[in-house]
């Protein structure tokens, strides 16, 4: 069970509010806002799968017929009480519950998608058209009781209608008479207390026998019920009471019927709320481009490109820096770096995304992420000092840490913000070290932020610990909010102070007060930062070169396979033609011999026949020679000759030959390729060209259809985009997607410029609005 204080510290309620706005039913919203982490790994995975299936249905533009339903739990409970009565309006709402339940059941029954986990929820939906028909026979769509709801009600209403007509005729006659006698101001009839009355001038009220019901505000008009109509009005009122009693009886009967199926209806209401909540989660997943991670305990906890949901909602995909890191279960990461550099956001992002996963939600992170099922999440984030309880910042922290140490075990994820803060640095650092070592002994998984240098040393020297930091742009003197695993960070206090405007003289004086060891550590961290950045740049360049070399190797392999295929086809065709020609030639020779024997030819005829046979033999030799030329190259090559691989544009210089000269090694650009000399032809030196835009075509199962650049800097994506396009082009992809988000537009514009220059791009344009709009560029390849 995750403590309420943890949910509050990680602001879990805000995420629930985001999702609840996608709910349609009242109970669906209640389900979302009251969500708590599930306690079973299988339940979590099943709920995550349900959200995935719902998301697939929505993406296919199939919208389930969920409609607004109020919370009917109390009304259904009332229906089970003997003699209870529900209003016509409530009964209509219950009927609507039955209709919507049936419609959704039919929707999933006919849905093309398997959605097996979602279908399970529909098993509890109430489906009973007879029940719906029973209510239809009694109540209209506007909530009125139908005349034919019962025979007695029909008769009562018929009698009321007849008496009403009679009363109208009598009152109309009297009113007309009063008008003629100038007793009334106007010839009209009105109602008072449900009875028909005539407005009479006050001065004539004594001339009319009847009952005065009221008078006007001016006192000039009185409303009289004529004596002649008193009895008929009484009869109508009596009938109306009878009508009301009959309606109540009918409603009680319907209520009783509802009561007999209240439990199935309650189960259906619950199932609809669950389905509504699942689809709300799916809609939220689509909005944030979310996914559900794996939950494998035997692999490290790995978050790839995770974004804080609240920041994502506020700043958008392109302006929210993603977080990527991994941690082995039972290990501890110590995070250091400047103030306002994003250390606390790392803790909150990790904790909040884990809470979402434990509730079966998708998270704004890459699908390759792997989470663990932690039974406990324990946090110490924020300043909990209390004037009322006489607690200082340090006191509140150590009380919380004491509680965490008591609860921690190997199934705990612990998030500690600024551990050891609020007291004298050396004592705080010592206390923090002892806490972290104790948590390690308990097997807990810990992320802890700090400014204490002693903890950086502890993490460096102790097995099971690891340093990490928040990247800082030394050139701009500002944080980048990017997480760097494996490197301790500096506070950059003097660099930030200099940027704010402190003079060099002042800063130099301040540095004198630093302890020797501390100053050396700060200098070492700055040096490490610079070397790390330089190394990353070199690695990118090396990776680019490796890709180009791999591309050339792949090109040769591809062309060689093509050449061998074409060679076999030509040989096969040549052999077939040769065999056909030999058969034809044999017939010609046999015919010629026969003619010589039959005609006893002279010398000249024999000479001509011999020439015919010789020509045929020569033609056959030509066929055989072509066959040999295709299988064995008769062209001689020497070292330093320039050669071209047959049926390809690949050319190079021969730098090595085998003893029998059947194999040669040629240099194509910076790539060495070994080929049979039979597959080479001579080439001119001027023809030697190597395309710089050819890359190796990998297994298409390894090529991704979409490249996600969100959170990347515009000036650092060219290598990644070119590599992705080359791989897709070589893999025979016709169309791919580049996800860059909308943001400020800088990343989008950079992608546009790269696509304009790439030779493999045929066309590119933004995705339709419903599938991402200007946040996604669709690329068509040649």
Foldseek 3Di string as FASTA:
>chain_A
DEDPVLCVLLVLLVVLVLLLVLFAEPLLNVCSNPFFFDQDPVVLVLLLVLLVLLLVCVVVVNDQPQHYAYPCLVVLVQLQDPPGFDALVSLLSLLVLQVSLQSNLVSQVPDPGPSVSLNVLSVLRHHDVVLSVLSVQAAPPVSDGDCVLDPVSVVLVVVLVVLVVVLVVVLQVVLVVCVVVVQAPDSDWDDDPQAIWHKGAQVCPVVFAFAWRAADPVRGITTGDGPVCVVSSVVSVVSVVVSVVVSRVSRSVSSNVSNVCSVSSVSNVVSSSSSSNSSSLSVVCLVLVFHAEAADLVDWQWFAQFFAVVVCVVFNQQPTAGATDTARQLFEEEEEEAPVQQLVVVLSRVSSCLRCSSSNHTGNTDRHGYHHQASYEQEDDDQPADPVVPGHSVRVRVVSLVVCLVPAASSYEYEYEAQLPDDDQVVSLVVSLVSVVSNSVRRHYYYYYHQRPSVVVVQVPDPRHWYKYFDADLVVRGTLSYIGTRAYYHNCVLSNVVVVPDDPVVSVVVVVPDDPVVVVVNVVSVVVNVVVVVVVVVVLVVVLVVQQQQLVVQVVVVVVVVLVVVLVVVLVVLVVVLVVLVVVLVVLLVVLVVCCVVVVDDPVSVVVSVVSNVVSVVVSVVSVVVSCLSVAPPDADDAQFKKDFPPDLFIFGWHDADPVRQKTWGCQPPHIDIDGCSRIDGDDPVSRDDDSLGGHADDVVPQDQEAECRNPDLVPCLSVLSSNLNNCLSPVHFKGKYFNTPRPCSNLVSSVVSLVPRPQFDDKDADPVVNRGSRMMMTGGD
